Amino acid sequence: MDTRDELVELQQGNHKAFEFLFRKYYVLLCYEARSYILEKHIVEELVGDVFRWLWENRDTLEITTSIRAYLIKATHNACLSYLRKNQLQYIELEEVKDKNTLFSLDESPLDYVLSRELIERVDKAVKELPPQYKKVFELSRYKNLTYAEISAEMGVSVNAVKLYQKKALAQLRLVLKDYLPASLD
């Protein structure tokens, strides 16, 4: 059965059509979300939320692209929304560098040394990125600019910005693989 047929069936409330789409695209969407978010449980939750939204809004869906492209875009948007909402949970590297205390009350001296080492590794890895990747990464992560804003500032297309960001993150993951939790591999 064609996914277009499955979409029509989904819009009519057919559970089997929903299950078919879930089985067909779940792994792909998790893979897509992992390019933005490293925590496996958050990735799975966000992809689950995309499918939940798809089911709850099935009767009002107006998909002009393929269902695959639609779900990838929905996952992309869910990841960006999550990152924006949780931005305060992430400490910017510059703030940590300027910290005057040796370590906080909930952090041991070893934790402090390890976090300093990680910060230094991340800084070094970012400095070694190709210029376009580095600029996009810094504007996105440190200045919280949207892809459209970065595109305007750099004079390149939004798709180019997305590609630079994706490649920068992939390169950083490769360089920092020893510091990432083993469960993410």
C-alpha atoms as a PDB file:
ATOM      1  CA  MET A   1       0.000   0.000   0.000  1.00  0.00           C
ATOM      2  CA  ASP A   2       1.244   3.502  -0.878  1.00  0.00           C
ATOM      3  CA  THR A   3       1.920   5.976   1.953  1.00  0.00           C
ATOM      4  CA  ARG A   4      -0.547   8.377   0.291  1.00  0.00           C
ATOM      5  CA  ASP A   5      -3.208   5.706   0.739  1.00  0.00           C
ATOM      6  CA  GLU A   6      -2.056   5.273   4.336  1.00  0.00           C
ATOM      7  CA  LEU A   7      -2.386   9.031   4.857  1.00  0.00           C
ATOM      8  CA  VAL A   8      -5.985   8.956   3.624  1.00  0.00           C
ATOM      9  CA  GLU A   9      -6.672   5.968   5.877  1.00  0.00           C
ATOM     10  CA  LEU A  10      -5.002   7.769   8.802  1.00  0.00           C
ATOM     11  CA  GLN A  11      -7.158  10.840   8.250  1.00  0.00           C
ATOM     12  CA  GLN A  12     -10.198   8.572   8.451  1.00  0.00           C
ATOM     13  CA  GLY A  13      -9.027   7.232  11.835  1.00  0.00           C
ATOM     14  CA  ASN A  14      -7.611   3.877  10.709  1.00  0.00           C
ATOM     15  CA  HIS A  15      -5.318   2.594  13.504  1.00  0.00           C
ATOM     16  CA  LYS A  16      -3.543   0.162  11.176  1.00  0.00           C
ATOM     17  CA  ALA A  17      -2.539   3.036   8.900  1.00  0.00           C
ATOM     18  CA  PHE A  18      -1.130   4.884  11.904  1.00  0.00           C
ATOM     19  CA  GLU A  19       0.799   1.776  13.005  1.00  0.00           C
ATOM     20  CA  PHE A  20       2.159   1.368   9.475  1.00  0.00           C
ATOM     21  CA  LEU A  21       3.445   4.971   9.435  1.00  0.00           C
ATOM     22  CA  PHE A  22       4.863   4.594  12.936  1.00  0.00           C
ATOM     23  CA  ARG A  23       6.767   1.404  12.074  1.00  0.00           C
ATOM     24  CA  LYS A  24       7.976   2.827   8.776  1.00  0.00           C
ATOM     25  CA  TYR A  25       9.260   6.180  10.067  1.00  0.00           C
ATOM     26  CA  TYR A  26       9.990   5.894  13.798  1.00  0.00           C
ATOM     27  CA  VAL A  27      13.662   4.876  13.467  1.00  0.00           C
ATOM     28  CA  LEU A  28      14.296   7.448  10.739  1.00  0.00           C
ATOM     29  CA  LEU A  29      12.795  10.216  12.875  1.00  0.00           C
ATOM     30  CA  CYS A  30      14.833   9.158  15.912  1.00  0.00           C
ATOM     31  CA  TYR A  31      17.944   9.291  13.766  1.00  0.00           C
ATOM     32  CA  GLU A  32      16.956  12.772  12.569  1.00  0.00           C
ATOM     33  CA  ALA A  33      16.315  13.966  16.128  1.00  0.00           C
ATOM     34  CA  ARG A  34      19.691  12.605  17.274  1.00  0.00           C
ATOM     35  CA  SER A  35      21.369  15.123  14.956  1.00  0.00           C
ATOM     36  CA  TYR A  36      20.026  17.819  17.317  1.00  0.00           C
ATOM     37  CA  ILE A  37      19.692  16.157  20.710  1.00  0.00           C
ATOM     38  CA  LEU A  38      22.017  13.574  22.192  1.00  0.00           C
ATOM     39  CA  GLU A  39      19.903  12.214  25.042  1.00  0.00           C
ATOM     40  CA  LYS A  40      18.232   9.042  23.781  1.00  0.00           C
ATOM     41  CA  HIS A  41      15.217   9.249  26.100  1.00  0.00           C
ATOM     42  CA  ILE A  42      14.484  12.829  24.997  1.00  0.00           C
ATOM     43  CA  VAL A  43      14.792  11.865  21.336  1.00  0.00           C
ATOM     44  CA  GLU A  44      12.331   9.014  21.817  1.00  0.00           C
ATOM     45  CA  GLU A  45       9.945  11.274  23.735  1.00  0.00           C
ATOM     46  CA  LEU A  46      10.042  13.984  21.051  1.00  0.00           C
ATOM     47  CA  VAL A  47       9.462  11.503  18.218  1.00  0.00           C
ATOM     48  CA  GLY A  48       6.624   9.980  20.229  1.00  0.00           C
ATOM     49  CA  ASP A  49       5.162  13.464  20.628  1.00  0.00           C
ATOM     50  CA  VAL A  50       5.331  13.974  16.840  1.00  0.00           C
ATOM     51  CA  PHE A  51       3.355  10.776  16.281  1.00  0.00           C
ATOM     52  CA  ARG A  52       0.906  11.640  19.056  1.00  0.00           C
ATOM     53  CA  TRP A  53       0.344  15.045  17.427  1.00  0.00           C
ATOM     54  CA  LEU A  54      -0.090  13.342  14.035  1.00  0.00           C
ATOM     55  CA  TRP A  55      -2.808  11.069  15.434  1.00  0.00           C
ATOM     56  CA  GLU A  56      -4.591  13.798  17.395  1.00  0.00           C
ATOM     57  CA  ASN A  57      -4.666  16.144  14.391  1.00  0.00           C
ATOM     58  CA  ARG A  58      -5.184  13.528  11.677  1.00  0.00           C
ATOM     59  CA  ASP A  59      -8.558  14.868  10.544  1.00  0.00           C
ATOM     60  CA  THR A  60      -7.232  18.405   9.917  1.00  0.00           C
ATOM     61  CA  LEU A  61      -3.907  17.486   8.281  1.00  0.00           C
ATOM     62  CA  GLU A  62      -3.049  19.222   5.042  1.00  0.00           C
ATOM     63  CA  ILE A  63       0.163  17.652   3.818  1.00  0.00           C
ATOM     64  CA  THR A  64       1.384  19.037   0.504  1.00  0.00           C
ATOM     65  CA  THR A  65       4.726  17.195   0.554  1.00  0.00           C
ATOM     66  CA  SER A  66       5.394  13.530   1.138  1.00  0.00           C
ATOM     67  CA  ILE A  67       4.438  12.164   4.541  1.00  0.00           C
ATOM     68  CA  ARG A  68       8.129  11.363   5.062  1.00  0.00           C
ATOM     69  CA  ALA A  69       9.190  14.980   4.461  1.00  0.00           C
ATOM     70  CA  TYR A  70       6.334  16.206   6.628  1.00  0.00           C
ATOM     71  CA  LEU A  71       7.327  13.980   9.557  1.00  0.00           C
ATOM     72  CA  ILE A  72      11.009  14.912   9.245  1.00  0.00           C
ATOM     73  CA  LYS A  73      10.102  18.607   9.295  1.00  0.00           C
ATOM     74  CA  ALA A  74       7.794  18.066  12.283  1.00  0.00           C
ATOM     75  CA  THR A  75      10.616  16.275  14.120  1.00  0.00           C
ATOM     76  CA  HIS A  76      13.048  19.049  13.235  1.00  0.00           C
ATOM     77  CA  ASN A  77      10.609  21.642  14.605  1.00  0.00           C
ATOM     78  CA  ALA A  78       9.983  19.616  17.763  1.00  0.00           C
ATOM     79  CA  CYS A  79      13.726  19.398  18.415  1.00  0.00           C
ATOM     80  CA  LEU A  80      14.273  23.119  17.886  1.00  0.00           C
ATOM     81  CA  SER A  81      11.325  23.915  20.122  1.00  0.00           C
ATOM     82  CA  TYR A  82      12.699  21.635  22.828  1.00  0.00           C
ATOM     83  CA  LEU A  83      16.151  23.215  22.587  1.00  0.00           C
ATOM     84  CA  ARG A  84      14.723  26.729  22.795  1.00  0.00           C
ATOM     85  CA  LYS A  85      12.553  25.880  25.819  1.00  0.00           C
ATOM     86  CA  ASN A  86      15.434  24.228  27.634  1.00  0.00           C
ATOM     87  CA  GLN A  87      18.151  26.699  26.676  1.00  0.00           C
ATOM     88  CA  LEU A  88      18.519  27.863  30.285  1.00  0.00           C
ATOM     89  CA  GLN A  89      19.542  24.364  31.321  1.00  0.00           C
ATOM     90  CA  TYR A  90      22.624  24.570  29.132  1.00  0.00           C
ATOM     91  CA  ILE A  91      25.516  26.577  30.506  1.00  0.00           C
ATOM     92  CA  GLU A  92      27.259  28.645  27.880  1.00  0.00           C
ATOM     93  CA  LEU A  93      30.955  27.946  27.764  1.00  0.00           C
ATOM     94  CA  GLU A  94      31.884  31.597  28.174  1.00  0.00           C
ATOM     95  CA  GLU A  95      29.939  31.821  31.432  1.00  0.00           C
ATOM     96  CA  VAL A  96      31.762  28.802  32.827  1.00  0.00           C
ATOM     97  CA  LYS A  97      35.143  30.232  31.825  1.00  0.00           C
ATOM     98  CA  ASP A  98      34.431  33.473  33.669  1.00  0.00           C
ATOM     99  CA  LYS A  99      33.459  31.655  36.852  1.00  0.00           C
ATOM    100  CA  ASN A 100      35.618  32.924  39.723  1.00  0.00           C
ATOM    101  CA  THR A 101      34.995  30.111  42.193  1.00  0.00           C
ATOM    102  CA  LEU A 102      36.938  26.897  42.074  1.00  0.00           C
ATOM    103  CA  PHE A 103      33.843  24.721  42.238  1.00  0.00           C
ATOM    104  CA  SER A 104      30.249  24.957  43.346  1.00  0.00           C
ATOM    105  CA  LEU A 105      28.837  23.327  46.473  1.00  0.00           C
ATOM    106  CA  ASP A 106      27.302  20.458  44.515  1.00  0.00           C
ATOM    107  CA  GLU A 107      30.443  19.787  42.501  1.00  0.00           C
ATOM    108  CA  SER A 108      33.531  17.942  43.667  1.00  0.00           C
ATOM    109  CA  PRO A 109      37.040  19.108  42.739  1.00  0.00           C
ATOM    110  CA  LEU A 110      37.246  16.138  40.349  1.00  0.00           C
ATOM    111  CA  ASP A 111      33.979  17.200  38.674  1.00  0.00           C
ATOM    112  CA  TYR A 112      35.406  20.682  38.287  1.00  0.00           C
ATOM    113  CA  VAL A 113      38.620  19.407  36.700  1.00  0.00           C
ATOM    114  CA  LEU A 114      36.693  17.136  34.335  1.00  0.00           C
ATOM    115  CA  SER A 115      34.262  19.899  33.343  1.00  0.00           C
ATOM    116  CA  ARG A 116      37.169  22.299  32.720  1.00  0.00           C
ATOM    117  CA  GLU A 117      38.850  19.664  30.559  1.00  0.00           C
ATOM    118  CA  LEU A 118      35.642  19.141  28.587  1.00  0.00           C
ATOM    119  CA  ILE A 119      35.224  22.894  28.104  1.00  0.00           C
ATOM    120  CA  GLU A 120      38.775  23.146  26.812  1.00  0.00           C
ATOM    121  CA  ARG A 121      38.214  20.207  24.431  1.00  0.00           C
ATOM    122  CA  VAL A 122      34.978  21.712  23.126  1.00  0.00           C
ATOM    123  CA  ASP A 123      36.641  25.110  22.631  1.00  0.00           C
ATOM    124  CA  LYS A 124      39.507  23.509  20.752  1.00  0.00           C
ATOM    125  CA  ALA A 125      37.149  21.413  18.614  1.00  0.00           C
ATOM    126  CA  VAL A 126      35.017  24.467  17.736  1.00  0.00           C
ATOM    127  CA  LYS A 127      38.136  26.470  16.790  1.00  0.00           C
ATOM    128  CA  GLU A 128      39.178  23.671  14.434  1.00  0.00           C
ATOM    129  CA  LEU A 129      35.874  23.649  12.528  1.00  0.00           C
ATOM    130  CA  PRO A 130      35.948  24.993   8.971  1.00  0.00           C
ATOM    131  CA  PRO A 131      35.155  28.754   9.048  1.00  0.00           C
ATOM    132  CA  GLN A 132      31.555  28.506   7.755  1.00  0.00           C
ATOM    133  CA  TYR A 133      30.690  25.627  10.110  1.00  0.00           C
ATOM    134  CA  LYS A 134      32.274  27.458  13.043  1.00  0.00           C
ATOM    135  CA  LYS A 135      30.396  30.685  12.355  1.00  0.00           C
ATOM    136  CA  VAL A 136      27.030  28.926  12.018  1.00  0.00           C
ATOM    137  CA  PHE A 137      27.665  26.876  15.155  1.00  0.00           C
ATOM    138  CA  GLU A 138      28.635  29.914  17.217  1.00  0.00           C
ATOM    139  CA  LEU A 139      25.738  32.049  15.980  1.00  0.00           C
ATOM    140  CA  SER A 140      23.287  29.239  16.648  1.00  0.00           C
ATOM    141  CA  ARG A 141      24.597  27.932  19.972  1.00  0.00           C
ATOM    142  CA  TYR A 142      26.111  30.987  21.603  1.00  0.00           C
ATOM    143  CA  LYS A 143      23.955  33.794  20.226  1.00  0.00           C
ATOM    144  CA  ASN A 144      20.743  31.749  19.857  1.00  0.00           C
ATOM    145  CA  LEU A 145      20.048  33.014  16.338  1.00  0.00           C
ATOM    146  CA  THR A 146      17.541  31.173  14.169  1.00  0.00           C
ATOM    147  CA  TYR A 147      18.550  29.633  10.867  1.00  0.00           C
ATOM    148  CA  ALA A 148      16.823  32.510   9.055  1.00  0.00           C
ATOM    149  CA  GLU A 149      18.749  35.089  11.084  1.00  0.00           C
ATOM    150  CA  ILE A 150      22.045  33.286  10.465  1.00  0.00           C
ATOM    151  CA  SER A 151      21.197  33.034   6.775  1.00  0.00           C
ATOM    152  CA  ALA A 152      20.632  36.801   6.572  1.00  0.00           C
ATOM    153  CA  GLU A 153      23.797  37.592   8.528  1.00  0.00           C
ATOM    154  CA  MET A 154      26.019  35.285   6.480  1.00  0.00           C
ATOM    155  CA  GLY A 155      24.385  35.884   3.104  1.00  0.00           C
ATOM    156  CA  VAL A 156      23.738  32.198   2.424  1.00  0.00           C
ATOM    157  CA  SER A 157      20.550  30.179   2.080  1.00  0.00           C
ATOM    158  CA  VAL A 158      18.751  28.685   5.078  1.00  0.00           C
ATOM    159  CA  ASN A 159      19.471  25.235   3.638  1.00  0.00           C
ATOM    160  CA  ALA A 160      23.187  26.044   3.580  1.00  0.00           C
ATOM    161  CA  VAL A 161      22.971  27.110   7.224  1.00  0.00           C
ATOM    162  CA  LYS A 162      21.237  23.830   8.121  1.00  0.00           C
ATOM    163  CA  LEU A 163      23.892  21.853   6.262  1.00  0.00           C
ATOM    164  CA  TYR A 164      26.752  23.731   7.966  1.00  0.00           C
ATOM    165  CA  GLN A 165      25.161  23.203  11.372  1.00  0.00           C
ATOM    166  CA  LYS A 166      24.574  19.508  10.763  1.00  0.00           C
ATOM    167  CA  LYS A 167      28.154  18.987   9.551  1.00  0.00           C
ATOM    168  CA  ALA A 168      29.570  21.032  12.442  1.00  0.00           C
ATOM    169  CA  LEU A 169      27.660  18.910  14.967  1.00  0.00           C
ATOM    170  CA  ALA A 170      28.749  15.694  13.257  1.00  0.00           C
ATOM    171  CA  GLN A 171      32.382  16.813  13.300  1.00  0.00           C
ATOM    172  CA  LEU A 172      32.166  17.852  16.960  1.00  0.00           C
ATOM    173  CA  ARG A 173      30.576  14.523  17.906  1.00  0.00           C
ATOM    174  CA  LEU A 174      33.402  12.706  16.157  1.00  0.00           C
ATOM    175  CA  VAL A 175      36.126  14.768  17.844  1.00  0.00           C
ATOM    176  CA  LEU A 176      34.443  14.591  21.266  1.00  0.00           C
ATOM    177  CA  LYS A 177      33.304  10.957  21.073  1.00  0.00           C
ATOM    178  CA  ASP A 178      35.440   9.999  24.082  1.00  0.00           C
ATOM    179  CA  TYR A 179      33.520  12.498  26.199  1.00  0.00           C
ATOM    180  CA  LEU A 180      30.033  11.499  25.113  1.00  0.00           C
ATOM    181  CA  PRO A 181      28.136   8.880  27.108  1.00  0.00           C
ATOM    182  CA  ALA A 182      28.580   5.369  25.742  1.00  0.00           C
ATOM    183  CA  SER A 183      24.805   4.907  25.513  1.00  0.00           C
ATOM    184  CA  LEU A 184      24.677   7.478  22.723  1.00  0.00           C
ATOM    185  CA  ASP A 185      26.859   5.535  20.309  1.00  0.00           C
END
